Amino acid sequence: MIFFGHLGLTTGAVKICENTVLSKKKDIDYRFLLVGSILPDLIDKPIGAFFFRNVFHNSRIFGHTLLFSAVLLCIGLYRQLRHKKNGILMLGIGSAIHLILDSMWLYGRILFWPFLGATFPTRPEGHWLNEGILRLLSDPVYFSSEIIGFVIIMYYFIKLIKRGKLRNFIKNGQL
């Protein structure tokens, strides 16, 4: 997925959980969740594909590891239990969902880094951006997830505007 798939599908999944499992207390900060849903790419794409391309030869490195998400989740859980703040927890949840949406179980040496080796494997994909755009135009699974994600994001955006709650979202992250 490129962008809207991560944002929309993560938001939709957490919103479903919020409405069913967490029906009594709804204090999820969706601003942090949205950032968390693309955080692995925000970290790894610049490092692995641009700045240190000749070192890593891979655009999925540190942010795409289970260790990264687990550290965020542990810190977030501590802050939630101790200080009743869930921002970092939402970063961790968004990051973990990102790993699922990127099918990272297919890349065990990345997912379980550094436990299966200290170096990241070289990925043969050369130009991830060009291949992502080509895949977006030709792969129905790929472009349908982007369309569904876009529809989910637009649904909540329009809902916020119609209810006059866009400022509340910007200030508190509430949907």
Protein backbone atom coordinates (compact mmCIF):
# COMPACT_ATOMS: atom_id res chain seq x y z
CA MET A 1 0.00 0.00 0.00
CA ILE A 2 1.09 3.51 -0.60
CA PHE A 3 -0.83 5.99 1.56
CA PHE A 4 -4.62 5.95 1.79
CA GLY A 5 -4.73 2.19 2.26
CA HIS A 6 -2.68 2.50 5.42
CA LEU A 7 -4.54 5.57 6.72
CA GLY A 8 -8.07 4.45 5.91
CA LEU A 9 -7.90 0.74 6.70
CA THR A 10 -6.14 1.43 10.01
CA THR A 11 -8.70 4.08 10.96
CA GLY A 12 -11.59 1.83 9.96
CA ALA A 13 -10.26 -1.16 11.90
CA VAL A 14 -9.64 0.85 15.07
CA LYS A 15 -13.00 2.62 14.77
CA ILE A 16 -14.75 -0.77 14.55
CA CYS A 17 -12.89 -1.93 17.68
CA GLU A 18 -13.71 1.32 19.44
CA ASN A 19 -17.42 0.94 18.66
CA THR A 20 -17.61 -2.70 19.72
CA VAL A 21 -14.92 -3.57 22.27
CA LEU A 22 -14.37 -0.15 23.83
CA SER A 23 -17.99 1.00 23.68
CA LYS A 24 -17.96 2.71 27.09
CA LYS A 25 -14.83 4.84 26.87
CA LYS A 26 -13.97 6.50 23.59
CA ASP A 27 -10.81 8.53 24.00
CA ILE A 28 -8.69 7.32 21.11
CA ASP A 29 -6.48 10.01 19.64
CA TYR A 30 -6.81 9.37 15.92
CA ARG A 31 -4.14 11.97 15.08
CA PHE A 32 -1.49 9.68 16.59
CA LEU A 33 -3.09 6.62 15.02
CA LEU A 34 -2.94 8.20 11.56
CA VAL A 35 0.72 9.13 12.00
CA GLY A 36 1.46 5.64 13.35
CA SER A 37 -0.20 4.03 10.35
CA ILE A 38 2.41 5.56 8.03
CA LEU A 39 5.27 5.94 10.54
CA PRO A 40 7.27 2.92 9.32
CA ASP A 41 7.34 4.42 5.82
CA LEU A 42 8.08 7.91 7.14
CA ILE A 43 11.18 6.49 8.83
CA ASP A 44 12.34 3.82 6.40
CA LYS A 45 11.74 5.33 2.97
CA PRO A 46 14.03 8.34 3.47
CA ILE A 47 16.71 6.30 5.26
CA GLY A 48 16.71 3.13 3.17
CA ALA A 49 15.67 4.41 -0.25
CA PHE A 50 17.31 7.84 -0.39
CA PHE A 51 19.91 8.84 2.19
CA PHE A 52 21.55 5.45 2.78
CA ARG A 53 20.43 3.52 -0.29
CA ASN A 54 23.94 2.17 -0.92
CA VAL A 55 24.14 0.95 2.68
CA PHE A 56 20.76 -0.76 3.13
CA HIS A 57 19.52 -1.50 -0.42
CA ASN A 58 16.09 -1.78 1.15
CA SER A 59 13.26 0.66 1.85
CA ARG A 60 11.88 -1.49 4.66
CA ILE A 61 14.25 -1.43 7.58
CA PHE A 62 13.98 -0.30 11.23
CA GLY A 63 10.38 0.98 11.16
CA HIS A 64 9.14 -2.25 9.59
CA THR A 65 10.41 -4.43 12.43
CA LEU A 66 8.39 -6.05 15.18
CA LEU A 67 10.88 -4.58 17.64
CA PHE A 68 9.99 -1.03 16.59
CA SER A 69 6.24 -1.59 17.01
CA ALA A 70 6.75 -3.53 20.26
CA VAL A 71 8.83 -0.72 21.80
CA LEU A 72 6.16 1.84 20.87
CA LEU A 73 3.42 -0.41 22.24
CA CYS A 74 5.27 -0.99 25.54
CA ILE A 75 6.03 2.70 26.05
CA GLY A 76 2.47 3.53 25.03
CA LEU A 77 0.97 1.00 27.42
CA TYR A 78 3.08 2.37 30.26
CA ARG A 79 1.99 5.95 29.50
CA GLN A 80 -1.65 4.87 29.19
CA LEU A 81 -1.65 3.05 32.53
CA ARG A 82 0.49 5.58 34.37
CA HIS A 83 -0.60 8.93 32.90
CA LYS A 84 -3.86 8.11 31.05
CA LYS A 85 -2.34 9.36 27.76
CA ASN A 86 -2.68 7.11 24.73
CA GLY A 87 -0.81 9.00 22.00
CA ILE A 88 2.26 6.74 21.90
CA LEU A 89 0.06 3.66 22.28
CA MET A 90 -1.85 4.80 19.17
CA LEU A 91 1.48 5.27 17.33
CA GLY A 92 2.34 1.68 18.25
CA ILE A 93 -1.05 0.30 17.21
CA GLY A 94 -0.90 2.18 13.90
CA SER A 95 2.63 0.95 13.30
CA ALA A 96 1.68 -2.65 14.09
CA ILE A 97 -1.28 -2.51 11.71
CA HIS A 98 1.08 -1.10 9.08
CA LEU A 99 3.21 -4.25 9.38
CA ILE A 100 0.12 -6.40 8.83
CA LEU A 101 -1.01 -4.38 5.81
CA ASP A 102 2.50 -4.61 4.32
CA SER A 103 2.48 -8.42 4.76
CA MET A 104 5.73 -8.23 6.69
CA TRP A 105 5.43 -11.89 7.74
CA LEU A 106 6.72 -12.60 4.22
CA TYR A 107 9.96 -10.80 5.13
CA GLY A 108 10.99 -12.59 8.32
CA ARG A 109 14.55 -11.22 8.42
CA ILE A 110 13.15 -7.69 8.42
CA LEU A 111 10.20 -8.36 10.72
CA PHE A 112 12.28 -10.14 13.35
CA TRP A 113 15.38 -7.92 13.07
CA PRO A 114 17.84 -8.11 14.86
CA PHE A 115 16.95 -11.60 16.16
CA LEU A 116 17.57 -13.32 12.81
CA GLY A 117 20.66 -11.29 11.94
CA ALA A 118 22.05 -7.81 12.42
CA THR A 119 21.84 -6.79 8.76
CA PHE A 120 18.77 -6.21 6.66
CA PRO A 121 18.33 -8.29 3.53
CA THR A 122 18.66 -6.61 0.17
CA ARG A 123 15.31 -6.29 -1.55
CA PRO A 124 15.38 -6.68 -5.31
CA GLU A 125 12.79 -3.99 -5.87
CA GLY A 126 15.17 -1.20 -6.93
CA HIS A 127 12.75 1.68 -7.39
CA TRP A 128 9.91 1.26 -4.89
CA LEU A 129 8.12 4.46 -5.91
CA ASN A 130 7.95 3.63 -9.62
CA GLU A 131 6.95 0.04 -8.89
CA GLY A 132 4.33 1.23 -6.38
CA ILE A 133 2.75 3.54 -8.95
CA LEU A 134 2.82 0.81 -11.61
CA ARG A 135 1.25 -1.62 -9.16
CA LEU A 136 -1.33 1.00 -8.18
CA LEU A 137 -2.38 1.21 -11.82
CA SER A 138 -2.35 -2.52 -12.58
CA ASP A 139 -2.95 -4.63 -9.43
CA PRO A 140 -6.64 -4.76 -8.40
CA VAL A 141 -5.83 -5.74 -4.80
CA TYR A 142 -3.38 -2.88 -4.49
CA PHE A 143 -5.55 -0.13 -5.98
CA SER A 144 -8.74 -1.39 -4.31
CA SER A 145 -7.12 -1.06 -0.86
CA GLU A 146 -6.11 2.50 -1.75
CA ILE A 147 -9.64 3.31 -2.94
CA ILE A 148 -11.26 1.74 0.14
CA GLY A 149 -8.81 3.60 2.39
CA PHE A 150 -9.56 6.87 0.61
CA VAL A 151 -13.31 6.32 0.96
CA ILE A 152 -12.93 5.65 4.71
CA ILE A 153 -10.82 8.78 5.24
CA MET A 154 -13.24 10.91 3.19
CA TYR A 155 -16.21 9.49 5.12
CA TYR A 156 -14.77 10.60 8.45
CA PHE A 157 -13.53 13.91 7.06
CA ILE A 158 -16.97 14.78 5.64
CA LYS A 159 -18.62 13.60 8.86
CA LEU A 160 -16.35 15.89 10.90
CA ILE A 161 -17.14 18.86 8.66
CA LYS A 162 -20.92 18.23 8.66
CA ARG A 163 -21.00 17.97 12.45
CA GLY A 164 -18.74 20.99 12.90
CA LYS A 165 -16.17 18.89 14.75
CA LEU A 166 -13.09 19.37 12.55
CA ARG A 167 -11.52 21.74 15.10
CA ASN A 168 -12.18 19.20 17.85
CA PHE A 169 -10.40 16.55 15.78
CA ILE A 170 -7.43 18.84 15.20
CA LYS A 171 -7.28 19.73 18.89
CA ASN A 172 -8.11 16.37 20.52
CA GLY A 173 -7.96 13.73 17.78
CA GLN A 174 -11.56 12.61 18.39
CA LEU A 175 -13.64 11.23 15.51
